Amino acid sequence: MAAFLPLIVLLVILYLVTKKLSHTRPADAPNGPGDRKLISSSSFLLRIFGSSRSYKASYYFDTESFYEVTDANTTTIPLTAITGVKRESTEVNNRSVWSVSWSINGQQKQARFLHNYTLFNRSFAVFLEAVKQANPNASVSKLTLFTL
């Protein structure tokens, strides 16, 4: 029994951390339209060497829309137009690359970025929930300790 004690303690800690991931604070959620919350982090290497233009943008969301902000312009995508949010297999600086897919007027587009989820900033988890609420048919990956 004593040999299993460290394993049991580890499982309890993992369970508590996973429960903590799903809990969001009011400060992480947007208060309404226009109250944008940042959900991406930048990587110097991806900005310089990344093959996708989406690595050069910052991503925000509010209660109604998802925003892609580049140096020149801001693209607004309604949360209802998002068809999928999934974790990719690529990791940079121990952070997974996530992709957001959407369809507007039959045109499919996708953005890829690194999330900015931390214990103090849970806006990315709130974004995943907002997409699920806005479009129940969207394929949204779960955010767990192992998918960060």
Protein backbone atom coordinates (compact mmCIF):
# COMPACT_ATOMS: atom_id res chain seq x y z
CA MET A 1 0.00 0.00 0.00
CA ALA A 2 2.83 2.40 0.83
CA ALA A 3 4.22 1.94 -2.69
CA PHE A 4 0.98 3.26 -4.18
CA LEU A 5 0.80 6.36 -1.97
CA PRO A 6 2.94 8.60 -4.27
CA LEU A 7 0.86 7.49 -7.26
CA ILE A 8 -2.38 8.29 -5.46
CA VAL A 9 -1.08 11.71 -4.40
CA LEU A 10 -0.01 12.43 -8.00
CA LEU A 11 -3.43 11.43 -9.35
CA VAL A 12 -5.20 13.67 -6.83
CA ILE A 13 -2.96 16.62 -7.77
CA LEU A 14 -3.60 16.04 -11.49
CA TYR A 15 -7.33 15.88 -10.85
CA LEU A 16 -7.30 19.14 -8.90
CA VAL A 17 -5.20 20.91 -11.53
CA THR A 18 -7.53 19.70 -14.29
CA LYS A 19 -10.56 20.97 -12.35
CA LYS A 20 -8.75 24.30 -11.92
CA LEU A 21 -8.28 24.53 -15.72
CA SER A 22 -12.01 24.43 -16.31
CA HIS A 23 -12.74 27.12 -13.70
CA THR A 24 -12.71 30.65 -15.06
CA ARG A 25 -12.70 33.91 -13.19
CA PRO A 26 -14.98 36.82 -14.15
CA ALA A 27 -11.90 38.89 -15.05
CA ASP A 28 -11.08 36.40 -17.83
CA ALA A 29 -14.46 36.75 -19.53
CA PRO A 30 -15.34 39.71 -21.75
CA ASN A 31 -18.06 41.96 -20.32
CA GLY A 32 -19.72 42.52 -23.68
CA PRO A 33 -19.13 43.43 -27.31
CA GLY A 34 -15.97 45.48 -27.71
CA ASP A 35 -14.35 44.22 -24.49
CA ARG A 36 -11.66 42.22 -26.26
CA LYS A 37 -9.57 39.62 -24.46
CA LEU A 38 -6.21 38.50 -25.88
CA ILE A 39 -6.02 34.73 -26.46
CA SER A 40 -2.72 34.40 -28.35
CA SER A 41 0.93 34.78 -27.48
CA SER A 42 3.70 35.69 -29.84
CA SER A 43 6.84 33.76 -30.57
CA PHE A 44 9.82 35.53 -32.07
CA LEU A 45 10.77 32.44 -34.09
CA LEU A 46 7.27 31.99 -35.51
CA ARG A 47 6.97 35.68 -36.40
CA ILE A 48 10.25 35.52 -38.31
CA PHE A 49 10.28 31.98 -39.71
CA GLY A 50 6.62 30.89 -39.55
CA SER A 51 5.19 29.88 -42.90
CA SER A 52 1.69 31.11 -42.09
CA ARG A 53 0.70 34.76 -42.04
CA SER A 54 -1.46 34.02 -39.01
CA TYR A 55 1.67 33.67 -36.87
CA LYS A 56 2.29 37.38 -37.44
CA ALA A 57 -1.11 38.39 -36.02
CA SER A 58 -2.59 38.72 -32.54
CA TYR A 59 -5.95 37.13 -31.74
CA TYR A 60 -8.69 38.47 -29.50
CA PHE A 61 -12.33 37.67 -28.79
CA ASP A 62 -15.34 39.24 -27.14
CA THR A 63 -18.86 37.99 -26.49
CA GLU A 64 -19.77 38.09 -30.20
CA SER A 65 -16.62 37.93 -32.36
CA PHE A 66 -13.13 36.57 -32.91
CA TYR A 67 -10.55 39.13 -34.11
CA GLU A 68 -7.36 38.74 -36.13
CA VAL A 69 -5.24 41.87 -35.68
CA THR A 70 -2.23 42.50 -37.90
CA ASP A 71 -0.16 45.62 -38.39
CA ALA A 72 -2.37 46.82 -41.23
CA ASN A 73 -5.91 45.71 -40.37
CA THR A 74 -8.36 43.91 -38.12
CA THR A 75 -10.49 41.03 -39.39
CA THR A 76 -13.70 40.35 -37.47
CA ILE A 77 -15.19 36.85 -37.49
CA PRO A 78 -18.52 36.18 -35.73
CA LEU A 79 -18.25 33.36 -33.16
CA THR A 80 -21.23 31.71 -34.89
CA ALA A 81 -19.14 31.36 -38.09
CA ILE A 82 -16.40 29.36 -36.35
CA THR A 83 -16.61 25.70 -37.36
CA GLY A 84 -13.73 24.31 -35.33
CA VAL A 85 -11.05 25.01 -32.75
CA LYS A 86 -8.48 22.28 -32.37
CA ARG A 87 -5.06 21.62 -30.95
CA GLU A 88 -2.40 20.82 -33.50
CA SER A 89 0.54 18.49 -32.92
CA THR A 90 3.10 21.31 -33.21
CA GLU A 91 4.56 22.79 -30.03
CA VAL A 92 6.69 25.91 -29.60
CA ASN A 93 8.16 26.87 -26.22
CA ASN A 94 6.08 24.11 -24.58
CA ARG A 95 2.86 25.64 -25.93
CA SER A 96 0.63 23.90 -28.42
CA VAL A 97 -0.35 25.52 -31.68
CA TRP A 98 -4.13 25.80 -31.99
CA SER A 99 -6.10 26.35 -35.17
CA VAL A 100 -9.41 28.13 -35.56
CA SER A 101 -11.44 27.41 -38.69
CA TRP A 102 -14.41 29.42 -39.91
CA SER A 103 -16.70 29.68 -42.88
CA ILE A 104 -18.20 32.93 -44.14
CA ASN A 105 -20.25 33.00 -47.35
CA GLY A 106 -19.01 29.52 -48.26
CA GLN A 107 -15.38 30.57 -47.97
CA GLN A 108 -13.29 28.46 -45.55
CA LYS A 109 -10.42 30.11 -43.66
CA GLN A 110 -8.12 29.12 -40.84
CA ALA A 111 -5.83 30.83 -38.33
CA ARG A 112 -3.05 29.16 -36.33
CA PHE A 113 -1.58 30.60 -33.14
CA LEU A 114 -0.08 29.84 -29.75
CA HIS A 115 -2.52 30.21 -26.86
CA ASN A 116 -1.70 32.46 -23.90
CA TYR A 117 -3.34 30.33 -21.19
CA THR A 118 -1.73 30.61 -17.75
CA LEU A 119 -2.93 30.15 -14.19
CA PHE A 120 -3.49 33.93 -14.08
CA ASN A 121 -4.97 34.36 -17.57
CA ARG A 122 -7.71 31.92 -18.52
CA SER A 123 -9.17 33.88 -21.43
CA PHE A 124 -8.34 31.11 -23.91
CA ALA A 125 -10.48 28.64 -21.93
CA VAL A 126 -13.31 31.21 -21.90
CA PHE A 127 -12.92 31.57 -25.69
CA LEU A 128 -13.38 27.81 -26.18
CA GLU A 129 -16.57 27.91 -24.09
CA ALA A 130 -17.84 30.97 -25.98
CA VAL A 131 -17.38 29.18 -29.31
CA LYS A 132 -19.26 26.13 -28.01
CA GLN A 133 -22.12 28.37 -26.85
CA ALA A 134 -22.27 30.43 -30.06
CA ASN A 135 -22.10 27.41 -32.40
CA PRO A 136 -23.01 24.09 -30.77
CA ASN A 137 -22.16 22.31 -34.06
CA ALA A 138 -18.55 23.54 -33.99
CA SER A 139 -15.86 20.98 -33.26
CA VAL A 140 -14.03 22.36 -30.21
CA SER A 141 -11.19 20.46 -28.56
CA LYS A 142 -11.11 20.31 -24.79
CA LEU A 143 -8.44 22.18 -22.88
CA THR A 144 -6.82 19.82 -20.41
CA LEU A 145 -3.50 19.62 -18.64
CA PHE A 146 -2.22 17.39 -21.44
CA THR A 147 -3.45 19.58 -24.32
CA LEU A 148 -1.97 22.86 -23.16
